Amino acid sequence: FDDCGEMLAYHMDHPEAQVQTWFVHDYNTEEWIRGEQAYFVKSSLPTPMGTGIVAFAKQSDAEQFAVENNGKVYRLDELRVEVHLNVHG
């Protein structure tokens, strides 16, 4: 997937696709991290698919990014609810 939001939206549209483990890139280092351990920020930052969602390994990095980009920090389960509401209204 081109960005985290696209990955989550796809899963919401395809509930039959069972996910064993989520993996995302840390925004700063581009290292792979488990989605369940990541801190996500949703902001107005342009991302490849326009969702504005990026991931961080460290909570402090996510919080700083959120402040700098007028965003909000989420954990994976919280973000899945947010994406579901935005996709399915």
C-alpha atoms as a PDB file:
ATOM      1  CA  PHE A   1       0.000   0.000   0.000  1.00  0.00           C
ATOM      2  CA  ASP A   2       1.130   3.550  -0.656  1.00  0.00           C
ATOM      3  CA  ASP A   3       0.148   4.837   2.792  1.00  0.00           C
ATOM      4  CA  CYS A   4      -1.224   3.645   6.129  1.00  0.00           C
ATOM      5  CA  GLY A   5      -4.709   5.015   5.571  1.00  0.00           C
ATOM      6  CA  GLU A   6      -5.059   3.190   2.276  1.00  0.00           C
ATOM      7  CA  MET A   7      -4.041  -0.054   3.990  1.00  0.00           C
ATOM      8  CA  LEU A   8      -6.671   0.396   6.694  1.00  0.00           C
ATOM      9  CA  ALA A   9      -9.409   1.465   4.275  1.00  0.00           C
ATOM     10  CA  TYR A  10      -8.728  -1.621   2.129  1.00  0.00           C
ATOM     11  CA  HIS A  11      -9.108  -3.851   5.158  1.00  0.00           C
ATOM     12  CA  MET A  12     -12.393  -2.162   6.099  1.00  0.00           C
ATOM     13  CA  ASP A  13     -13.704  -2.823   2.581  1.00  0.00           C
ATOM     14  CA  HIS A  14     -12.457  -6.438   2.612  1.00  0.00           C
ATOM     15  CA  PRO A  15     -13.269  -7.927   6.027  1.00  0.00           C
ATOM     16  CA  GLU A  16     -12.687 -11.398   4.640  1.00  0.00           C
ATOM     17  CA  ALA A  17      -8.959 -10.593   4.377  1.00  0.00           C
ATOM     18  CA  GLN A  18      -7.636 -11.697   7.730  1.00  0.00           C
ATOM     19  CA  VAL A  19      -4.577  -9.803   8.919  1.00  0.00           C
ATOM     20  CA  GLN A  20      -2.063 -11.749  10.977  1.00  0.00           C
ATOM     21  CA  THR A  21       0.258  -8.799  11.609  1.00  0.00           C
ATOM     22  CA  TRP A  22       0.269  -5.180  10.492  1.00  0.00           C
ATOM     23  CA  PHE A  23       3.592  -3.682   9.376  1.00  0.00           C
ATOM     24  CA  VAL A  24       4.225  -0.013   8.624  1.00  0.00           C
ATOM     25  CA  HIS A  25       7.249   2.210   8.048  1.00  0.00           C
ATOM     26  CA  ASP A  26       8.432   4.652  10.674  1.00  0.00           C
ATOM     27  CA  TYR A  27       8.030   8.095   9.110  1.00  0.00           C
ATOM     28  CA  ASN A  28      11.452   9.307  10.248  1.00  0.00           C
ATOM     29  CA  THR A  29      13.655   6.232   9.772  1.00  0.00           C
ATOM     30  CA  GLU A  30      11.651   4.239   7.196  1.00  0.00           C
ATOM     31  CA  GLU A  31      12.309   1.126   9.335  1.00  0.00           C
ATOM     32  CA  TRP A  32       9.592  -1.524   9.437  1.00  0.00           C
ATOM     33  CA  ILE A  33       7.607  -1.576  12.675  1.00  0.00           C
ATOM     34  CA  ARG A  34       4.646  -3.624  13.824  1.00  0.00           C
ATOM     35  CA  GLY A  35       1.442  -1.681  13.448  1.00  0.00           C
ATOM     36  CA  GLU A  36       0.248  -2.815  16.869  1.00  0.00           C
ATOM     37  CA  GLN A  37       3.281  -1.099  18.428  1.00  0.00           C
ATOM     38  CA  ALA A  38       3.233   2.026  16.256  1.00  0.00           C
ATOM     39  CA  TYR A  39       1.921   5.498  17.004  1.00  0.00           C
ATOM     40  CA  PHE A  40      -0.008   6.978  14.103  1.00  0.00           C
ATOM     41  CA  VAL A  41      -0.614  10.617  13.320  1.00  0.00           C
ATOM     42  CA  LYS A  42      -3.468  11.824  11.170  1.00  0.00           C
ATOM     43  CA  SER A  43      -2.896  15.355   9.912  1.00  0.00           C
ATOM     44  CA  SER A  44      -3.276  17.514   6.833  1.00  0.00           C
ATOM     45  CA  LEU A  45       0.185  16.435   5.641  1.00  0.00           C
ATOM     46  CA  PRO A  46      -0.026  15.235   2.039  1.00  0.00           C
ATOM     47  CA  THR A  47       0.632  11.493   1.839  1.00  0.00           C
ATOM     48  CA  PRO A  48       0.768   9.359  -1.320  1.00  0.00           C
ATOM     49  CA  MET A  49      -2.945   8.465  -1.197  1.00  0.00           C
ATOM     50  CA  GLY A  50      -4.111  11.634   0.528  1.00  0.00           C
ATOM     51  CA  THR A  51      -5.070  10.127   3.881  1.00  0.00           C
ATOM     52  CA  GLY A  52      -2.588  12.217   5.883  1.00  0.00           C
ATOM     53  CA  ILE A  53      -1.719   9.226   8.080  1.00  0.00           C
ATOM     54  CA  VAL A  54       1.886   8.409   9.003  1.00  0.00           C
ATOM     55  CA  ALA A  55       3.407   6.026  11.577  1.00  0.00           C
ATOM     56  CA  PHE A  56       6.114   6.337  14.200  1.00  0.00           C
ATOM     57  CA  ALA A  57       7.933   3.850  16.397  1.00  0.00           C
ATOM     58  CA  LYS A  58       8.268   6.354  19.252  1.00  0.00           C
ATOM     59  CA  GLN A  59       5.361   8.080  20.961  1.00  0.00           C
ATOM     60  CA  SER A  60       7.451  11.224  21.493  1.00  0.00           C
ATOM     61  CA  ASP A  61       8.138  11.489  17.739  1.00  0.00           C
ATOM     62  CA  ALA A  62       4.441  11.076  16.968  1.00  0.00           C
ATOM     63  CA  GLU A  63       3.433  13.698  19.514  1.00  0.00           C
ATOM     64  CA  GLN A  64       5.990  16.197  18.203  1.00  0.00           C
ATOM     65  CA  PHE A  65       4.893  15.598  14.604  1.00  0.00           C
ATOM     66  CA  ALA A  66       1.231  16.001  15.597  1.00  0.00           C
ATOM     67  CA  VAL A  67       1.935  19.375  17.219  1.00  0.00           C
ATOM     68  CA  GLU A  68       3.977  20.587  14.236  1.00  0.00           C
ATOM     69  CA  ASN A  69       1.354  19.441  11.696  1.00  0.00           C
ATOM     70  CA  ASN A  70      -1.899  20.104  13.548  1.00  0.00           C
ATOM     71  CA  GLY A  71      -2.559  16.382  13.826  1.00  0.00           C
ATOM     72  CA  LYS A  72      -3.788  13.819  16.309  1.00  0.00           C
ATOM     73  CA  VAL A  73      -1.989  10.738  17.658  1.00  0.00           C
ATOM     74  CA  TYR A  74      -3.712   7.354  17.489  1.00  0.00           C
ATOM     75  CA  ARG A  75      -2.928   3.763  18.321  1.00  0.00           C
ATOM     76  CA  LEU A  76      -3.837   1.166  15.683  1.00  0.00           C
ATOM     77  CA  ASP A  77      -7.227   0.181  17.124  1.00  0.00           C
ATOM     78  CA  GLU A  78      -8.256   3.827  17.540  1.00  0.00           C
ATOM     79  CA  LEU A  79      -7.153   4.644  14.019  1.00  0.00           C
ATOM     80  CA  ARG A  80      -9.061   1.695  12.565  1.00  0.00           C
ATOM     81  CA  VAL A  81     -12.257   3.085  14.116  1.00  0.00           C
ATOM     82  CA  GLU A  82     -11.473   6.562  12.737  1.00  0.00           C
ATOM     83  CA  VAL A  83     -10.810   5.241   9.222  1.00  0.00           C
ATOM     84  CA  HIS A  84     -13.938   3.096   9.358  1.00  0.00           C
ATOM     85  CA  LEU A  85     -16.051   6.127  10.244  1.00  0.00           C
ATOM     86  CA  ASN A  86     -14.501   8.189   7.433  1.00  0.00           C
ATOM     87  CA  VAL A  87     -14.879   5.423   4.841  1.00  0.00           C
ATOM     88  CA  HIS A  88     -18.347   4.260   5.829  1.00  0.00           C
ATOM     89  CA  GLY A  89     -19.685   7.480   7.379  1.00  0.00           C
END
